[in-house]
N, C-alpha and C. Protein backbone atom coordinates (compact mmCIF):
# COMPACT_ATOMS: atom_id res chain seq x y z
N UNK A 1 39.57 -79.81 -71.75
CA UNK A 1 38.08 -79.25 -71.17
C UNK A 1 37.74 -80.18 -69.79
N UNK A 2 38.31 -81.63 -69.76
CA UNK A 2 37.82 -82.22 -68.41
C UNK A 2 38.66 -81.52 -67.16
N UNK A 3 37.68 -81.21 -66.43
CA UNK A 3 38.25 -80.59 -65.17
C UNK A 3 37.66 -78.84 -65.13
N UNK A 4 37.51 -78.63 -66.28
CA UNK A 4 36.89 -77.26 -66.74
C UNK A 4 35.27 -77.00 -66.80
N UNK A 5 34.99 -77.96 -67.64
CA UNK A 5 33.36 -77.88 -67.87
C UNK A 5 32.49 -79.43 -67.29
N UNK A 6 33.44 -80.43 -67.09
CA UNK A 6 32.91 -81.75 -66.80
C UNK A 6 33.78 -82.35 -65.72
N UNK A 7 33.64 -83.05 -65.09
CA UNK A 7 34.35 -84.14 -64.06
C UNK A 7 34.77 -85.82 -64.60
N UNK A 8 33.81 -85.98 -65.35
CA UNK A 8 33.61 -87.29 -65.74
C UNK A 8 34.92 -87.72 -67.00
N UNK A 9 35.20 -89.02 -66.52
CA UNK A 9 36.44 -89.23 -67.58
C UNK A 9 35.94 -89.23 -69.18
N UNK A 10 34.63 -89.05 -69.51
CA UNK A 10 34.19 -88.81 -71.07
C UNK A 10 33.17 -87.54 -70.77
N UNK A 11 33.36 -86.85 -72.24
CA UNK A 11 32.80 -85.48 -72.48
C UNK A 11 31.38 -86.03 -72.97
N UNK A 12 31.14 -87.55 -73.41
CA UNK A 12 29.79 -87.77 -73.74
C UNK A 12 28.96 -88.11 -72.43
N UNK A 13 29.46 -88.35 -71.34
CA UNK A 13 28.46 -88.49 -70.28
C UNK A 13 28.07 -86.67 -69.79
N UNK A 14 28.78 -85.77 -70.06
CA UNK A 14 28.52 -84.50 -69.72
C UNK A 14 27.42 -84.11 -70.93
N UNK A 15 27.68 -84.30 -72.04
CA UNK A 15 26.78 -83.90 -72.95
C UNK A 15 25.51 -84.78 -73.05
N UNK A 16 25.44 -85.98 -72.58
CA UNK A 16 24.26 -87.05 -72.32
C UNK A 16 23.46 -86.17 -71.10
N UNK A 17 24.14 -85.91 -69.82
CA UNK A 17 23.68 -85.49 -68.78
C UNK A 17 23.08 -84.14 -68.66
N UNK A 18 23.85 -83.40 -69.11
CA UNK A 18 23.74 -81.69 -68.99
C UNK A 18 22.86 -81.13 -69.79
N UNK A 19 23.57 -81.60 -71.24
CA UNK A 19 22.92 -80.95 -72.31
C UNK A 19 21.66 -81.42 -73.18
N UNK A 20 21.79 -83.03 -72.96
CA UNK A 20 20.58 -83.83 -73.45
C UNK A 20 19.32 -83.71 -72.52
N UNK A 21 19.72 -84.45 -71.44
CA UNK A 21 18.70 -84.67 -70.42
C UNK A 21 18.41 -83.37 -69.47
N UNK A 22 19.35 -82.37 -68.80
CA UNK A 22 19.36 -81.09 -68.46
C UNK A 22 18.41 -80.18 -69.35
N UNK A 23 18.95 -79.96 -70.73
CA UNK A 23 18.56 -79.26 -71.71
C UNK A 23 16.76 -79.60 -71.87
N UNK A 24 16.60 -80.89 -72.11
CA UNK A 24 15.27 -81.06 -72.15
C UNK A 24 14.42 -80.38 -71.04
N UNK A 25 14.66 -80.83 -70.14
CA UNK A 25 14.13 -80.35 -68.95
C UNK A 25 14.07 -78.79 -68.71
N UNK A 26 15.13 -78.18 -69.37
CA UNK A 26 15.25 -76.64 -69.30
C UNK A 26 14.39 -76.05 -70.61
N UNK A 27 14.41 -76.69 -71.59
CA UNK A 27 13.68 -76.03 -72.44
C UNK A 27 11.96 -76.36 -72.12
N UNK A 28 11.89 -77.21 -71.77
CA UNK A 28 10.30 -77.71 -71.02
C UNK A 28 9.96 -76.69 -70.03
N UNK A 29 10.91 -76.03 -69.22
CA UNK A 29 10.53 -75.40 -68.33
C UNK A 29 10.34 -73.92 -68.71
N UNK A 30 11.18 -73.41 -70.04
CA UNK A 30 11.21 -72.16 -70.53
C UNK A 30 9.96 -72.30 -71.42
N UNK A 31 9.59 -73.46 -71.82
CA UNK A 31 8.14 -73.50 -72.57
C UNK A 31 6.70 -73.47 -71.70
N UNK A 32 6.94 -73.69 -70.54
CA UNK A 32 5.76 -73.94 -69.43
C UNK A 32 5.53 -72.31 -69.03
N UNK A 33 7.04 -71.89 -68.59
CA UNK A 33 6.74 -70.40 -68.25
C UNK A 33 6.02 -69.48 -69.58
N UNK A 34 6.44 -69.62 -70.57
CA UNK A 34 6.07 -68.68 -71.64
C UNK A 34 4.69 -68.89 -71.81
N UNK A 35 4.23 -70.18 -72.07
CA UNK A 35 2.71 -70.46 -72.38
C UNK A 35 1.93 -70.27 -71.03
N UNK A 36 2.15 -69.99 -69.75
CA UNK A 36 1.64 -69.46 -68.71
C UNK A 36 1.77 -68.17 -68.37
N UNK A 37 2.40 -67.45 -69.45
CA UNK A 37 2.76 -65.84 -69.59
C UNK A 37 3.14 -65.42 -67.96
N UNK A 38 4.14 -66.11 -67.70
CA UNK A 38 5.26 -65.50 -66.60
C UNK A 38 6.36 -64.83 -67.10
N UNK A 39 6.61 -64.02 -66.04
CA UNK A 39 7.75 -63.04 -66.48
C UNK A 39 9.14 -63.89 -66.30
N UNK A 40 10.19 -63.22 -67.70
CA UNK A 40 11.24 -63.74 -67.90
C UNK A 40 12.23 -64.18 -66.47
N UNK A 41 11.87 -63.10 -65.38
CA UNK A 41 12.77 -63.26 -64.39
C UNK A 41 12.52 -64.92 -63.88
N UNK A 42 11.19 -65.56 -63.74
CA UNK A 42 10.97 -66.76 -63.43
C UNK A 42 12.00 -68.04 -63.72
N UNK A 43 12.51 -67.64 -65.35
CA UNK A 43 13.11 -68.54 -66.07
C UNK A 43 14.39 -68.58 -65.00
N UNK A 44 15.09 -67.42 -64.66
CA UNK A 44 16.05 -67.60 -63.73
C UNK A 44 15.97 -68.25 -62.41
N UNK A 45 14.81 -67.92 -62.32
CA UNK A 45 14.52 -68.51 -60.42
C UNK A 45 14.18 -70.11 -60.99
N UNK A 46 13.85 -70.72 -61.73
CA UNK A 46 13.47 -71.76 -61.98
C UNK A 46 14.81 -72.53 -62.42
N UNK A 47 15.56 -72.14 -63.03
CA UNK A 47 16.92 -72.70 -63.21
C UNK A 47 17.72 -72.92 -62.06
N UNK A 48 17.72 -72.54 -61.07
CA UNK A 48 18.57 -72.84 -60.06
C UNK A 48 18.22 -74.25 -59.30
N UNK A 49 16.79 -74.56 -59.61
CA UNK A 49 16.63 -75.94 -58.80
C UNK A 49 17.10 -77.08 -59.53
N UNK A 50 16.83 -76.79 -61.09
CA UNK A 50 16.95 -77.45 -62.31
C UNK A 50 18.59 -78.03 -62.28
N UNK A 51 19.27 -77.03 -62.10
CA UNK A 51 21.02 -77.26 -62.24
C UNK A 51 21.30 -78.01 -61.08
N UNK A 52 20.55 -77.78 -60.11
CA UNK A 52 20.68 -78.54 -58.60
C UNK A 52 20.42 -80.24 -59.32
N UNK A 53 19.29 -80.32 -59.56
CA UNK A 53 18.97 -81.95 -60.42
C UNK A 53 19.92 -82.27 -61.29
N UNK A 54 20.63 -81.50 -62.18
CA UNK A 54 21.38 -82.02 -62.95
C UNK A 54 22.92 -82.50 -62.31
N UNK A 55 22.92 -81.71 -61.42
CA UNK A 55 24.21 -81.82 -60.59
C UNK A 55 24.16 -83.35 -59.45
N UNK A 56 22.71 -83.72 -59.61
CA UNK A 56 22.37 -84.79 -58.46
C UNK A 56 22.61 -85.85 -59.48
N UNK A 57 22.08 -85.55 -60.85
CA UNK A 57 22.35 -87.14 -61.85
C UNK A 57 23.76 -87.30 -61.72
N UNK A 58 24.78 -86.26 -62.00
CA UNK A 58 25.99 -86.45 -62.06
C UNK A 58 26.36 -87.24 -60.89
N UNK A 59 26.08 -86.75 -59.84
CA UNK A 59 26.41 -87.41 -58.36
C UNK A 59 25.82 -88.94 -58.52
N UNK A 60 24.55 -89.25 -58.58
CA UNK A 60 24.04 -90.06 -58.37
C UNK A 60 24.47 -91.40 -59.28
N UNK A 61 24.36 -91.03 -60.67
CA UNK A 61 24.87 -91.97 -61.46
C UNK A 61 25.83 -92.18 -61.88
N UNK A 62 26.99 -91.30 -61.83
CA UNK A 62 28.28 -91.15 -62.62
C UNK A 62 29.06 -90.70 -61.35
N UNK A 63 29.13 -91.11 -60.05
CA UNK A 63 30.20 -90.57 -59.11
C UNK A 63 30.79 -89.24 -59.42
N UNK A 64 29.93 -88.21 -59.41
CA UNK A 64 30.58 -86.91 -59.71
C UNK A 64 30.13 -86.42 -58.01
N UNK A 65 30.86 -85.12 -58.04
CA UNK A 65 30.97 -84.25 -57.09
C UNK A 65 29.51 -83.59 -57.02
N UNK A 66 28.65 -83.75 -55.73
CA UNK A 66 27.61 -83.28 -55.76
C UNK A 66 27.37 -81.55 -55.50
N UNK A 67 28.34 -81.55 -54.21
CA UNK A 67 28.57 -80.10 -53.87
C UNK A 67 29.64 -79.33 -54.23
N UNK A 68 29.72 -79.31 -55.51
CA UNK A 68 30.87 -78.61 -56.30
C UNK A 68 30.11 -77.30 -56.80
N UNK A 69 30.42 -76.30 -56.21
CA UNK A 69 30.25 -74.99 -56.74
C UNK A 69 30.53 -74.69 -58.41
N UNK A 70 32.10 -74.90 -58.73
CA UNK A 70 32.05 -74.75 -59.90
C UNK A 70 31.42 -75.47 -61.08
N UNK A 71 30.78 -77.02 -61.04
CA UNK A 71 30.27 -77.79 -61.64
C UNK A 71 28.89 -77.62 -61.56
N UNK A 72 28.40 -76.91 -60.66
CA UNK A 72 27.01 -76.64 -60.31
C UNK A 72 26.67 -75.21 -61.20
N UNK A 73 27.67 -74.19 -61.18
CA UNK A 73 27.51 -73.19 -62.05
C UNK A 73 27.72 -73.56 -63.24
N UNK A 74 28.49 -74.43 -63.95
CA UNK A 74 28.45 -74.83 -65.18
C UNK A 74 27.19 -75.29 -65.76
N UNK A 75 26.98 -76.35 -64.79
CA UNK A 75 25.52 -76.81 -65.19
C UNK A 75 24.28 -75.56 -65.22
N UNK A 76 24.55 -74.80 -64.28
CA UNK A 76 23.44 -73.76 -64.12
C UNK A 76 23.50 -72.73 -65.56
N UNK A 77 24.80 -72.43 -65.99
CA UNK A 77 24.79 -71.38 -67.19
C UNK A 77 24.32 -72.47 -68.28
N UNK A 78 24.58 -73.60 -68.30
CA UNK A 78 23.88 -74.46 -69.66
C UNK A 78 22.52 -74.31 -69.50
N UNK A 79 21.67 -74.72 -68.48
CA UNK A 79 20.28 -75.08 -68.38
C UNK A 79 19.81 -73.47 -68.44
N UNK A 80 20.13 -72.43 -68.02
CA UNK A 80 19.57 -71.25 -68.26
C UNK A 80 19.60 -70.67 -69.20
N UNK A 81 20.67 -71.21 -70.00
CA UNK A 81 20.59 -70.40 -71.49
C UNK A 81 19.71 -71.50 -72.27
N UNK A 82 19.44 -72.55 -72.10
CA UNK A 82 18.70 -73.27 -72.67
C UNK A 82 17.15 -73.06 -72.40
N UNK A 83 16.94 -72.96 -71.02
CA UNK A 83 15.57 -72.73 -70.61
C UNK A 83 15.12 -70.99 -71.27
N UNK A 84 16.32 -70.25 -71.42
CA UNK A 84 15.71 -68.78 -72.09
C UNK A 84 15.48 -68.97 -73.23
N UNK A 85 16.40 -69.99 -74.27
CA UNK A 85 15.84 -70.04 -75.54
C UNK A 85 14.32 -70.83 -75.65
N UNK A 86 14.24 -71.58 -74.90
CA UNK A 86 12.91 -71.98 -74.99
C UNK A 86 11.78 -71.19 -74.50
N UNK A 87 12.13 -70.39 -73.47
CA UNK A 87 11.02 -69.19 -73.40
C UNK A 87 10.89 -68.10 -74.30
N UNK A 88 11.87 -68.08 -75.11
CA UNK A 88 11.86 -66.89 -76.03
C UNK A 88 11.34 -67.29 -77.50
N UNK A 89 11.67 -68.59 -77.45
CA UNK A 89 10.73 -69.33 -78.62
C UNK A 89 9.26 -69.37 -78.55
N UNK A 90 9.22 -69.74 -77.36
CA UNK A 90 7.31 -70.40 -77.19
C UNK A 90 6.75 -68.87 -77.09
N UNK A 91 7.28 -67.80 -76.60
CA UNK A 91 6.85 -66.36 -76.09
C UNK A 91 6.52 -65.59 -77.53
N UNK A 92 7.74 -66.12 -78.76
CA UNK A 92 7.73 -65.06 -79.90
C UNK A 92 6.43 -66.18 -80.65
N UNK A 93 6.71 -67.32 -80.70
CA UNK A 93 5.04 -68.13 -81.37
C UNK A 93 3.91 -67.87 -80.71
N UNK A 94 3.78 -67.70 -79.18
CA UNK A 94 2.58 -67.32 -78.79
C UNK A 94 1.91 -66.00 -79.19
N UNK A 95 3.14 -64.81 -79.24
CA UNK A 95 2.63 -63.42 -79.34
C UNK A 95 2.26 -63.54 -81.08
N UNK A 96 2.84 -64.21 -82.01
CA UNK A 96 2.44 -64.14 -83.28
C UNK A 96 1.38 -65.06 -83.45
N UNK A 97 1.02 -65.91 -82.66
CA UNK A 97 -0.28 -66.58 -82.75
C UNK A 97 -1.54 -65.95 -82.37
N UNK A 98 -1.22 -65.55 -81.12
CA UNK A 98 -2.42 -64.96 -80.20
C UNK A 98 -2.68 -63.64 -80.94
N UNK A 99 -1.83 -62.92 -81.41
CA UNK A 99 -1.78 -61.49 -81.75
C UNK A 99 -1.34 -61.37 -83.19
N UNK A 100 -1.97 -62.22 -83.81
CA UNK A 100 -1.38 -62.48 -85.22
C UNK A 100 -1.57 -60.90 -86.24
N UNK A 101 -2.56 -60.36 -85.59
CA UNK A 101 -2.88 -58.74 -86.59
C UNK A 101 -2.10 -57.84 -86.16
N UNK A 102 -1.32 -58.07 -84.93
CA UNK A 102 -0.22 -56.91 -84.34
C UNK A 102 1.02 -57.45 -84.79
N UNK A 103 1.01 -58.85 -84.53
CA UNK A 103 2.69 -59.19 -84.93
C UNK A 103 3.09 -60.22 -85.63
N UNK A 104 4.40 -59.89 -86.17
CA UNK A 104 4.65 -61.15 -87.06
C UNK A 104 6.03 -61.89 -86.69
N UNK A 105 6.19 -62.92 -87.28
CA UNK A 105 7.85 -63.63 -86.80
C UNK A 105 8.80 -62.72 -87.50
N UNK A 106 9.94 -62.72 -86.37
CA UNK A 106 11.06 -61.74 -86.83
C UNK A 106 12.14 -62.71 -86.63
N UNK A 107 12.22 -64.07 -87.03
CA UNK A 107 13.08 -65.06 -86.52
C UNK A 107 12.26 -66.16 -85.43
N UNK A 108 13.27 -67.18 -85.22
CA UNK A 108 12.65 -68.16 -84.31
C UNK A 108 12.35 -67.56 -82.81
N UNK A 109 13.35 -66.35 -82.63
CA UNK A 109 13.05 -65.93 -81.01
C UNK A 109 12.79 -64.90 -81.08
N UNK A 110 12.04 -64.05 -81.99
CA UNK A 110 11.68 -63.04 -81.66
C UNK A 110 10.50 -62.54 -82.86
N UNK A 111 9.83 -61.24 -82.70
CA UNK A 111 8.73 -60.65 -83.30
C UNK A 111 8.61 -59.23 -83.34
N UNK A 112 8.09 -59.10 -84.28
CA UNK A 112 7.76 -57.34 -84.60
C UNK A 112 6.63 -56.98 -85.15
N UNK A 113 6.31 -55.67 -84.77
CA UNK A 113 5.12 -55.43 -85.23
C UNK A 113 4.97 -55.37 -86.74
N UNK A 114 3.50 -55.58 -87.33
CA UNK A 114 3.15 -55.66 -88.90
C UNK A 114 3.55 -54.21 -89.45
N UNK A 115 3.67 -54.18 -90.67
CA UNK A 115 3.85 -52.91 -91.15
C UNK A 115 2.40 -52.83 -91.42
N UNK A 116 2.16 -51.36 -91.49
CA UNK A 116 0.49 -50.82 -91.76
C UNK A 116 0.42 -51.29 -93.13
N UNK A 117 -0.51 -51.64 -93.68
CA UNK A 117 -1.22 -51.76 -94.91
C UNK A 117 -1.79 -50.36 -95.57
């Protein structure tokens, strides 16, 4: 997997920086966008600089390649996926709490209309 997903000598560095640090920032980005009623396309827009920030951390702390399109796209896909999950989780929670008479949870990332009584 080294060379395909990450360039560091250890997969743990990739997991720490991209998945843990970048994932936390992506989750919080998705949360912020959902709670302020932003449309989903903004998750995609705000993931672009977030992926660049993750790439910079790889470069600054672990001597990774900063201007690498391949590794930027890997980081971007991961942070976009996590931001999308955060967005859907908080949007589902928001819809069911704020409109409790209309919707109920249908899982952690979705909601459905309540059955008529």
